[in-house]
C-alpha cells in the first residue's frame, strides 16, 4: 500500500475464522507490516536550510508517522460506507491490548467511542482479551463494569488509575459531549506549537523539490520529544465513525484522562 507520505508498505493480513479464534484468539482480522521501520523510519530526507533542530526533525517525523498510521487505519477499517469492521486498534503489542494503551483506535460509530474505556477495564481487571470483547454491545459492557465493587480501580499507566465509576459515567455520558471533550483535549502543548510552523515549512519545501539532506531520527532526544509532545487527533469520518490517533511512541491514555477531567468525571 502507498502511504500518505508517499512511501510504500507491505502488509500481511490475516483473516481468522471462528474455529481458529476459539483455539488461538488473535482477532478476526489482523494486519502487520513487514518491518517495523516501514512505518517508523530510522531516517528522513528533509529540505536544507530553514530552522533546524532535533525538535523540528522529531516533529516532522511525528507528523508523517501519525498521518500514515491514521490513513492506513481508515483505509483498512472504513474503506467505504459499509461498516464491515466495527472496532479496531493499532498497538505495539503482539495481542490487542487495552485500547487506552494503543496509539490509535477506530469505532464504526462515534457513539461507541466510550468502549475504549470499558474494553480497557474488562481487559485489565478481568483479563478478557479485547479481541473477544470488542464487539460486545454497550449494555453488556456496562453490566460487566457495574458488577465490580464500588470504588474498584485498575492501574492504567505511570501510576494513573481508572475507576469503575469513571467508566460507568463515560458509558452513560452523551456521546456528543464525550467526543467534544476528546477534541478539546487534543490540543497541542506549547513545546509542540513552538516548532510546528518550522516543521510544516520544512515539509512544504521538501515536497516542492528543495535540496535535501538525510537526518537520523532515532536519537533519544528525538524519541523523548515525540513521547512527550506528539499531538493527538480526533477524526470524525463521513461514515459516522471516529478515529483517535497519535504517534506510536505515545498512548491514548493522556487524551482520555484530559477528556474525563473536562467532563468532571472521576478517573
C-alpha atoms as a PDB file:
ATOM      1  CA  UNK A   1       0.000   0.000   0.000  1.00  0.00           C
ATOM      2  CA  UNK A   2       1.174   3.532  -0.750  1.00  0.00           C
ATOM      3  CA  UNK A   3       1.084   5.673   2.365  1.00  0.00           C
ATOM      4  CA  UNK A   4       0.109   9.290   2.797  1.00  0.00           C
ATOM      5  CA  UNK A   5       3.820  10.233   2.948  1.00  0.00           C
ATOM      6  CA  UNK A   6       4.434   8.635  -0.452  1.00  0.00           C
ATOM      7  CA  UNK A   7       6.373   5.617   0.806  1.00  0.00           C
ATOM      8  CA  UNK A   8       5.096   2.085   0.291  1.00  0.00           C
ATOM      9  CA  UNK A   9       4.428  -0.588   2.891  1.00  0.00           C
ATOM     10  CA  UNK A  10       3.873  -4.326   2.690  1.00  0.00           C
ATOM     11  CA  UNK A  11       1.115  -5.664   4.926  1.00  0.00           C
ATOM     12  CA  UNK A  12       0.410  -9.249   5.952  1.00  0.00           C
ATOM     13  CA  UNK A  13      -3.332  -9.504   6.571  1.00  0.00           C
ATOM     14  CA  UNK A  14      -4.736 -12.473   8.489  1.00  0.00           C
ATOM     15  CA  UNK A  15      -8.429 -13.372   8.333  1.00  0.00           C
ATOM     16  CA  UNK A  16      -9.234 -15.855  11.105  1.00  0.00           C
ATOM     17  CA  UNK A  17     -12.372 -17.981  11.288  1.00  0.00           C
ATOM     18  CA  UNK A  18     -14.346 -18.900  14.406  1.00  0.00           C
ATOM     19  CA  UNK A  19     -12.657 -22.291  14.899  1.00  0.00           C
ATOM     20  CA  UNK A  20      -9.200 -20.696  14.819  1.00  0.00           C
ATOM     21  CA  UNK A  21     -10.339 -17.954  17.190  1.00  0.00           C
ATOM     22  CA  UNK A  22     -11.551 -20.469  19.747  1.00  0.00           C
ATOM     23  CA  UNK A  23      -8.132 -22.131  19.818  1.00  0.00           C
ATOM     24  CA  UNK A  24      -5.789 -19.193  19.210  1.00  0.00           C
ATOM     25  CA  UNK A  25      -7.589 -15.915  19.967  1.00  0.00           C
ATOM     26  CA  UNK A  26      -5.916 -13.171  17.984  1.00  0.00           C
ATOM     27  CA  UNK A  27      -8.800 -11.320  16.359  1.00  0.00           C
ATOM     28  CA  UNK A  28     -10.834 -11.973  13.225  1.00  0.00           C
ATOM     29  CA  UNK A  29      -8.708  -9.555  11.198  1.00  0.00           C
ATOM     30  CA  UNK A  30      -5.087  -8.638  11.866  1.00  0.00           C
ATOM     31  CA  UNK A  31      -2.714  -6.613   9.677  1.00  0.00           C
ATOM     32  CA  UNK A  32       1.030  -6.454  10.293  1.00  0.00           C
ATOM     33  CA  UNK A  33       3.718  -4.524   8.412  1.00  0.00           C
ATOM     34  CA  UNK A  34       6.612  -6.493   7.014  1.00  0.00           C
ATOM     35  CA  UNK A  35       9.015  -4.487   9.162  1.00  0.00           C
ATOM     36  CA  UNK A  36       8.519  -2.006  11.994  1.00  0.00           C
ATOM     37  CA  UNK A  37      10.684   0.513  10.147  1.00  0.00           C
ATOM     38  CA  UNK A  38       8.164   0.566   7.286  1.00  0.00           C
ATOM     39  CA  UNK A  39       6.012   2.834   9.447  1.00  0.00           C
ATOM     40  CA  UNK A  40       8.687   4.123  11.814  1.00  0.00           C
ATOM     41  CA  UNK A  41      11.578   5.189   9.571  1.00  0.00           C
ATOM     42  CA  UNK A  42      15.060   5.492  11.031  1.00  0.00           C
ATOM     43  CA  UNK A  43      15.908   8.495   8.857  1.00  0.00           C
ATOM     44  CA  UNK A  44      14.210  11.236   6.862  1.00  0.00           C
ATOM     45  CA  UNK A  45      15.156  13.294   3.844  1.00  0.00           C
ATOM     46  CA  UNK A  46      14.263  16.897   4.596  1.00  0.00           C
ATOM     47  CA  UNK A  47      14.923  20.241   2.911  1.00  0.00           C
ATOM     48  CA  UNK A  48      18.147  22.059   3.668  1.00  0.00           C
ATOM     49  CA  UNK A  49      18.016  25.475   5.271  1.00  0.00           C
ATOM     50  CA  UNK A  50      15.311  26.906   7.462  1.00  0.00           C
ATOM     51  CA  UNK A  51      15.067  26.251  11.171  1.00  0.00           C
ATOM     52  CA  UNK A  52      16.921  23.052  12.063  1.00  0.00           C
ATOM     53  CA  UNK A  53      16.860  21.348  15.421  1.00  0.00           C
ATOM     54  CA  UNK A  54      16.229  17.948  16.959  1.00  0.00           C
ATOM     55  CA  UNK A  55      12.761  19.151  17.947  1.00  0.00           C
ATOM     56  CA  UNK A  56      11.863  20.238  14.407  1.00  0.00           C
ATOM     57  CA  UNK A  57      13.136  16.939  12.977  1.00  0.00           C
ATOM     58  CA  UNK A  58      11.163  14.998  15.591  1.00  0.00           C
ATOM     59  CA  UNK A  59       8.021  16.993  14.808  1.00  0.00           C
ATOM     60  CA  UNK A  60       8.380  16.222  11.094  1.00  0.00           C
ATOM     61  CA  UNK A  61       8.723  12.520  11.882  1.00  0.00           C
ATOM     62  CA  UNK A  62       5.759  12.592  14.274  1.00  0.00           C
ATOM     63  CA  UNK A  63       3.518  14.280  11.692  1.00  0.00           C
ATOM     64  CA  UNK A  64       4.475  11.851   8.943  1.00  0.00           C
ATOM     65  CA  UNK A  65       4.074   8.698  11.013  1.00  0.00           C
ATOM     66  CA  UNK A  66       0.807   9.779  12.638  1.00  0.00           C
ATOM     67  CA  UNK A  67      -0.730  10.692   9.281  1.00  0.00           C
ATOM     68  CA  UNK A  68       0.451   7.457   7.673  1.00  0.00           C
ATOM     69  CA  UNK A  69      -0.865   5.361  10.553  1.00  0.00           C
ATOM     70  CA  UNK A  70      -4.224   7.145  10.626  1.00  0.00           C
ATOM     71  CA  UNK A  71      -4.618   6.903   6.852  1.00  0.00           C
ATOM     72  CA  UNK A  72      -3.769   3.207   6.965  1.00  0.00           C
ATOM     73  CA  UNK A  73      -6.322   2.508   9.708  1.00  0.00           C
ATOM     74  CA  UNK A  74      -9.104   4.327   7.870  1.00  0.00           C
ATOM     75  CA  UNK A  75      -8.390   2.529   4.599  1.00  0.00           C
ATOM     76  CA  UNK A  76      -8.412  -0.864   6.339  1.00  0.00           C
ATOM     77  CA  UNK A  77     -11.339  -0.301   8.714  1.00  0.00           C
ATOM     78  CA  UNK A  78     -13.561   2.091   6.750  1.00  0.00           C
ATOM     79  CA  UNK A  79     -12.753   1.893   3.030  1.00  0.00           C
ATOM     80  CA  UNK A  80     -16.346   2.814   2.145  1.00  0.00           C
ATOM     81  CA  UNK A  81     -19.758   3.412   3.707  1.00  0.00           C
ATOM     82  CA  UNK A  82     -20.178  -0.220   4.795  1.00  0.00           C
ATOM     83  CA  UNK A  83     -19.271  -0.895   8.423  1.00  0.00           C
ATOM     84  CA  UNK A  84     -17.586  -4.260   7.911  1.00  0.00           C
ATOM     85  CA  UNK A  85     -15.113  -3.533  10.707  1.00  0.00           C
ATOM     86  CA  UNK A  86     -16.856  -2.311  13.858  1.00  0.00           C
ATOM     87  CA  UNK A  87     -13.796  -1.693  16.056  1.00  0.00           C
ATOM     88  CA  UNK A  88     -10.045  -1.704  15.701  1.00  0.00           C
ATOM     89  CA  UNK A  89      -6.781  -0.514  17.183  1.00  0.00           C
ATOM     90  CA  UNK A  90      -3.130  -0.038  16.337  1.00  0.00           C
ATOM     91  CA  UNK A  91      -0.920  -1.434  19.049  1.00  0.00           C
ATOM     92  CA  UNK A  92       2.765  -2.141  19.566  1.00  0.00           C
ATOM     93  CA  UNK A  93       1.868  -5.340  21.440  1.00  0.00           C
ATOM     94  CA  UNK A  94       1.588  -8.830  19.966  1.00  0.00           C
ATOM     95  CA  UNK A  95      -2.003  -9.013  21.246  1.00  0.00           C
ATOM     96  CA  UNK A  96      -4.735  -6.401  21.036  1.00  0.00           C
ATOM     97  CA  UNK A  97      -4.265  -4.932  24.492  1.00  0.00           C
ATOM     98  CA  UNK A  98      -6.151  -2.206  26.371  1.00  0.00           C
ATOM     99  CA  UNK A  99      -7.333   0.479  23.923  1.00  0.00           C
ATOM    100  CA  UNK A 100      -6.051   3.255  26.195  1.00  0.00           C
ATOM    101  CA  UNK A 101      -2.562   1.788  25.730  1.00  0.00           C
ATOM    102  CA  UNK A 102      -2.878   1.759  21.940  1.00  0.00           C
ATOM    103  CA  UNK A 103      -1.726   4.675  19.795  1.00  0.00           C
ATOM    104  CA  UNK A 104      -4.873   4.622  17.640  1.00  0.00           C
ATOM    105  CA  UNK A 105      -8.385   3.206  17.830  1.00  0.00           C
ATOM    106  CA  UNK A 106     -11.331   3.060  15.443  1.00  0.00           C
ATOM    107  CA  UNK A 107     -15.067   2.694  16.015  1.00  0.00           C
ATOM    108  CA  UNK A 108     -17.620   2.368  13.227  1.00  0.00           C
ATOM    109  CA  UNK A 109     -19.927   4.665  15.213  1.00  0.00           C
ATOM    110  CA  UNK A 110     -18.703   7.703  17.114  1.00  0.00           C
ATOM    111  CA  UNK A 111     -21.345   6.871  19.721  1.00  0.00           C
ATOM    112  CA  UNK A 112     -19.221   3.847  20.718  1.00  0.00           C
ATOM    113  CA  UNK A 113     -16.022   5.724  21.491  1.00  0.00           C
ATOM    114  CA  UNK A 114     -16.521   5.174  25.259  1.00  0.00           C
ATOM    115  CA  UNK A 115     -15.998   1.479  24.584  1.00  0.00           C
ATOM    116  CA  UNK A 116     -12.262   2.257  24.680  1.00  0.00           C
ATOM    117  CA  UNK A 117     -12.570   2.722  28.437  1.00  0.00           C
ATOM    118  CA  UNK A 118     -14.898  -0.237  29.001  1.00  0.00           C
ATOM    119  CA  UNK A 119     -12.697  -2.583  26.973  1.00  0.00           C
ATOM    120  CA  UNK A 120      -9.664  -1.356  28.905  1.00  0.00           C
ATOM    121  CA  UNK A 121     -11.497  -2.118  32.143  1.00  0.00           C
ATOM    122  CA  UNK A 122     -12.552  -5.682  31.285  1.00  0.00           C
ATOM    123  CA  UNK A 123      -9.070  -6.423  29.964  1.00  0.00           C
ATOM    124  CA  UNK A 124      -7.105  -5.076  32.920  1.00  0.00           C
ATOM    125  CA  UNK A 125      -9.478  -6.158  35.696  1.00  0.00           C
ATOM    126  CA  UNK A 126     -10.938  -9.398  34.381  1.00  0.00           C
ATOM    127  CA  UNK A 127      -8.262 -10.491  31.923  1.00  0.00           C
ATOM    128  CA  UNK A 128     -10.654 -10.657  28.977  1.00  0.00           C
ATOM    129  CA  UNK A 129      -8.932 -10.492  25.612  1.00  0.00           C
ATOM    130  CA  UNK A 130     -10.051  -7.363  23.816  1.00  0.00           C
ATOM    131  CA  UNK A 131     -10.466  -9.328  20.564  1.00  0.00           C
ATOM    132  CA  UNK A 132     -13.328 -11.176  22.275  1.00  0.00           C
ATOM    133  CA  UNK A 133     -14.858  -8.112  23.951  1.00  0.00           C
ATOM    134  CA  UNK A 134     -14.617  -5.506  21.191  1.00  0.00           C
ATOM    135  CA  UNK A 135     -17.905  -6.487  19.590  1.00  0.00           C
ATOM    136  CA  UNK A 136     -19.938  -6.512  22.812  1.00  0.00           C
ATOM    137  CA  UNK A 137     -22.980  -4.188  22.921  1.00  0.00           C
ATOM    138  CA  UNK A 138     -22.795  -1.186  25.232  1.00  0.00           C
ATOM    139  CA  UNK A 139     -25.329  -2.626  27.689  1.00  0.00           C
ATOM    140  CA  UNK A 140     -23.284  -5.816  28.085  1.00  0.00           C
ATOM    141  CA  UNK A 141     -20.071  -3.874  28.716  1.00  0.00           C
ATOM    142  CA  UNK A 142     -21.937  -1.601  31.142  1.00  0.00           C
ATOM    143  CA  UNK A 143     -23.155  -4.622  33.113  1.00  0.00           C
ATOM    144  CA  UNK A 144     -19.637  -6.091  33.210  1.00  0.00           C
ATOM    145  CA  UNK A 145     -18.204  -2.888  34.677  1.00  0.00           C
ATOM    146  CA  UNK A 146     -21.161  -2.334  37.007  1.00  0.00           C
ATOM    147  CA  UNK A 147     -20.652  -5.784  38.525  1.00  0.00           C
ATOM    148  CA  UNK A 148     -17.353  -4.670  40.062  1.00  0.00           C
ATOM    149  CA  UNK A 149     -17.389  -3.351  43.662  1.00  0.00           C
ATOM    150  CA  UNK A 150     -17.861   0.390  44.182  1.00  0.00           C
ATOM    151  CA  UNK A 151     -14.551   2.212  44.194  1.00  0.00           C
ATOM    152  CA  UNK A 152     -12.738  -0.530  42.263  1.00  0.00           C
ATOM    153  CA  UNK A 153      -9.839   0.719  40.177  1.00  0.00           C
ATOM    154  CA  UNK A 154      -7.335  -0.600  37.650  1.00  0.00           C
ATOM    155  CA  UNK A 155      -3.803   0.657  37.016  1.00  0.00           C
ATOM    156  CA  UNK A 156      -3.555   2.155  33.535  1.00  0.00           C
ATOM    157  CA  UNK A 157      -0.026   3.555  33.156  1.00  0.00           C
ATOM    158  CA  UNK A 158       2.635   5.528  35.031  1.00  0.00           C
ATOM    159  CA  UNK A 159       0.743   5.343  38.304  1.00  0.00           C
ATOM    160  CA  UNK A 160      -2.549   6.521  36.804  1.00  0.00           C
ATOM    161  CA  UNK A 161      -5.694   4.574  37.618  1.00  0.00           C
ATOM    162  CA  UNK A 162      -9.103   4.174  36.014  1.00  0.00           C
ATOM    163  CA  UNK A 163     -12.073   3.805  38.336  1.00  0.00           C
ATOM    164  CA  UNK A 164     -15.229   1.799  37.887  1.00  0.00           C
ATOM    165  CA  UNK A 165     -17.268   4.967  38.350  1.00  0.00           C
ATOM    166  CA  UNK A 166     -15.344   6.829  35.634  1.00  0.00           C
ATOM    167  CA  UNK A 167     -16.038   4.067  33.112  1.00  0.00           C
ATOM    168  CA  UNK A 168     -19.733   3.907  34.036  1.00  0.00           C
ATOM    169  CA  UNK A 169     -20.057   7.686  33.774  1.00  0.00           C
ATOM    170  CA  UNK A 170     -18.335   7.689  30.383  1.00  0.00           C
ATOM    171  CA  UNK A 171     -20.650   4.940  29.098  1.00  0.00           C
ATOM    172  CA  UNK A 172     -23.727   6.951  30.113  1.00  0.00           C
ATOM    173  CA  UNK A 173     -22.344  10.348  29.045  1.00  0.00           C
ATOM    174  CA  UNK A 174     -23.772  11.938  25.920  1.00  0.00           C
ATOM    175  CA  UNK A 175     -21.643  10.634  23.010  1.00  0.00           C
ATOM    176  CA  UNK A 176     -21.596  14.139  21.536  1.00  0.00           C
ATOM    177  CA  UNK A 177     -20.310  15.650  24.791  1.00  0.00           C
ATOM    178  CA  UNK A 178     -17.679  12.928  25.164  1.00  0.00           C
ATOM    179  CA  UNK A 179     -16.446  13.426  21.622  1.00  0.00           C
ATOM    180  CA  UNK A 180     -16.367  17.206  22.093  1.00  0.00           C
ATOM    181  CA  UNK A 181     -14.275  16.732  25.247  1.00  0.00           C
ATOM    182  CA  UNK A 182     -11.851  14.468  23.408  1.00  0.00           C
ATOM    183  CA  UNK A 183     -11.488  17.052  20.624  1.00  0.00           C
ATOM    184  CA  UNK A 184     -10.957  19.825  23.158  1.00  0.00           C
ATOM    185  CA  UNK A 185      -8.264  17.716  24.845  1.00  0.00           C
ATOM    186  CA  UNK A 186      -6.453  17.041  21.573  1.00  0.00           C
ATOM    187  CA  UNK A 187      -4.748  20.440  21.686  1.00  0.00           C
ATOM    188  CA  UNK A 188      -1.015  20.553  21.090  1.00  0.00           C
ATOM    189  CA  UNK A 189       1.104  21.743  24.013  1.00  0.00           C
ATOM    190  CA  UNK A 190       3.348  24.801  23.984  1.00  0.00           C
ATOM    191  CA  UNK A 191       6.524  22.859  23.163  1.00  0.00           C
ATOM    192  CA  UNK A 192       4.889  21.404  20.061  1.00  0.00           C
ATOM    193  CA  UNK A 193       3.430  24.723  18.936  1.00  0.00           C
ATOM    194  CA  UNK A 194       6.891  26.302  19.221  1.00  0.00           C
ATOM    195  CA  UNK A 195       8.305  24.075  16.473  1.00  0.00           C
ATOM    196  CA  UNK A 196       5.202  23.224  14.445  1.00  0.00           C
ATOM    197  CA  UNK A 197       5.410  26.080  11.938  1.00  0.00           C
ATOM    198  CA  UNK A 198       9.105  25.401  11.212  1.00  0.00           C
ATOM    199  CA  UNK A 199       8.328  21.713  10.717  1.00  0.00           C
ATOM    200  CA  UNK A 200       5.473  22.491   8.316  1.00  0.00           C
ATOM    201  CA  UNK A 201       7.657  24.902   6.349  1.00  0.00           C
ATOM    202  CA  UNK A 202      10.374  22.254   6.022  1.00  0.00           C
ATOM    203  CA  UNK A 203       7.838  19.653   4.900  1.00  0.00           C
ATOM    204  CA  UNK A 204       6.466  22.046   2.279  1.00  0.00           C
ATOM    205  CA  UNK A 205       9.961  22.882   0.977  1.00  0.00           C
ATOM    206  CA  UNK A 206      10.795  19.188   0.732  1.00  0.00           C
ATOM    207  CA  UNK A 207       7.638  18.494  -1.290  1.00  0.00           C
ATOM    208  CA  UNK A 208       8.413  21.433  -3.589  1.00  0.00           C
ATOM    209  CA  UNK A 209      11.749  19.887  -4.549  1.00  0.00           C
ATOM    210  CA  UNK A 210      14.245  21.871  -2.479  1.00  0.00           C
ATOM    211  CA  UNK A 211      17.716  20.328  -1.968  1.00  0.00           C
ATOM    212  CA  UNK A 212      17.557  17.801   0.842  1.00  0.00           C
ATOM    213  CA  UNK A 213      19.755  16.018   3.336  1.00  0.00           C
ATOM    214  CA  UNK A 214      19.251  12.790   5.256  1.00  0.00           C
ATOM    215  CA  UNK A 215      18.834  13.043   9.028  1.00  0.00           C
ATOM    216  CA  UNK A 216      18.882  10.314  11.638  1.00  0.00           C
ATOM    217  CA  UNK A 217      15.715  10.462  13.760  1.00  0.00           C
ATOM    218  CA  UNK A 218      16.446   7.620  16.162  1.00  0.00           C
ATOM    219  CA  UNK A 219      18.337   9.514  18.868  1.00  0.00           C
ATOM    220  CA  UNK A 220      16.995   9.527  22.411  1.00  0.00           C
ATOM    221  CA  UNK A 221      16.274  13.262  22.096  1.00  0.00           C
ATOM    222  CA  UNK A 222      14.109  12.673  19.025  1.00  0.00           C
ATOM    223  CA  UNK A 223      12.224   9.867  20.757  1.00  0.00           C
ATOM    224  CA  UNK A 224      11.728  11.804  24.003  1.00  0.00           C
ATOM    225  CA  UNK A 225      10.307  14.831  22.214  1.00  0.00           C
ATOM    226  CA  UNK A 226       7.738  12.666  20.447  1.00  0.00           C
ATOM    227  CA  UNK A 227       6.910  10.710  23.611  1.00  0.00           C
ATOM    228  CA  UNK A 228       6.187  13.915  25.495  1.00  0.00           C
ATOM    229  CA  UNK A 229       4.734  16.245  22.873  1.00  0.00           C
ATOM    230  CA  UNK A 230       3.324  14.461  19.809  1.00  0.00           C
ATOM    231  CA  UNK A 231      -0.265  15.722  19.441  1.00  0.00           C
ATOM    232  CA  UNK A 232      -3.496  13.749  19.370  1.00  0.00           C
ATOM    233  CA  UNK A 233      -6.028  13.773  16.559  1.00  0.00           C
ATOM    234  CA  UNK A 234      -9.759  13.067  16.845  1.00  0.00           C
ATOM    235  CA  UNK A 235     -11.016  12.353  13.343  1.00  0.00           C
ATOM    236  CA  UNK A 236     -14.734  12.130  12.605  1.00  0.00           C
ATOM    237  CA  UNK A 237     -15.331  10.043   9.491  1.00  0.00           C
ATOM    238  CA  UNK A 238     -18.017  10.683   6.841  1.00  0.00           C
ATOM    239  CA  UNK A 239     -19.357   7.191   7.618  1.00  0.00           C
ATOM    240  CA  UNK A 240     -20.170   8.283  11.183  1.00  0.00           C
ATOM    241  CA  UNK A 241     -17.177   6.539  12.689  1.00  0.00           C
ATOM    242  CA  UNK A 242     -14.300   8.033  14.628  1.00  0.00           C
ATOM    243  CA  UNK A 243     -10.540   7.537  14.876  1.00  0.00           C
ATOM    244  CA  UNK A 244      -8.391   8.595  17.821  1.00  0.00           C
ATOM    245  CA  UNK A 245      -4.717   8.677  16.896  1.00  0.00           C
ATOM    246  CA  UNK A 246      -1.238   9.778  17.877  1.00  0.00           C
ATOM    247  CA  UNK A 247       2.335   8.642  17.213  1.00  0.00           C
ATOM    248  CA  UNK A 248       3.158   5.034  18.262  1.00  0.00           C
ATOM    249  CA  UNK A 249       5.621   6.334  20.866  1.00  0.00           C
ATOM    250  CA  UNK A 250       2.615   7.604  22.842  1.00  0.00           C
ATOM    251  CA  UNK A 251      -0.613   6.055  24.116  1.00  0.00           C
ATOM    252  CA  UNK A 252      -4.175   7.368  24.081  1.00  0.00           C
ATOM    253  CA  UNK A 253      -4.474   7.411  27.876  1.00  0.00           C
ATOM    254  CA  UNK A 254      -3.387  11.071  28.397  1.00  0.00           C
ATOM    255  CA  UNK A 255      -6.040  12.135  25.862  1.00  0.00           C
ATOM    256  CA  UNK A 256      -8.702  10.191  27.728  1.00  0.00           C
ATOM    257  CA  UNK A 257      -7.530  11.459  31.119  1.00  0.00           C
ATOM    258  CA  UNK A 258      -7.833  15.093  29.974  1.00  0.00           C
ATOM    259  CA  UNK A 259     -11.266  14.463  28.432  1.00  0.00           C
ATOM    260  CA  UNK A 260     -12.564  12.881  31.634  1.00  0.00           C
ATOM    261  CA  UNK A 261     -11.241  15.842  33.627  1.00  0.00           C
ATOM    262  CA  UNK A 262     -13.028  18.319  31.329  1.00  0.00           C
ATOM    263  CA  UNK A 263     -16.284  16.433  31.874  1.00  0.00           C
ATOM    264  CA  UNK A 264     -15.691  16.322  35.646  1.00  0.00           C
ATOM    265  CA  UNK A 265     -15.663  12.532  35.511  1.00  0.00           C
ATOM    266  CA  UNK A 266     -13.570  10.961  38.235  1.00  0.00           C
ATOM    267  CA  UNK A 267     -10.802   8.870  36.702  1.00  0.00           C
END
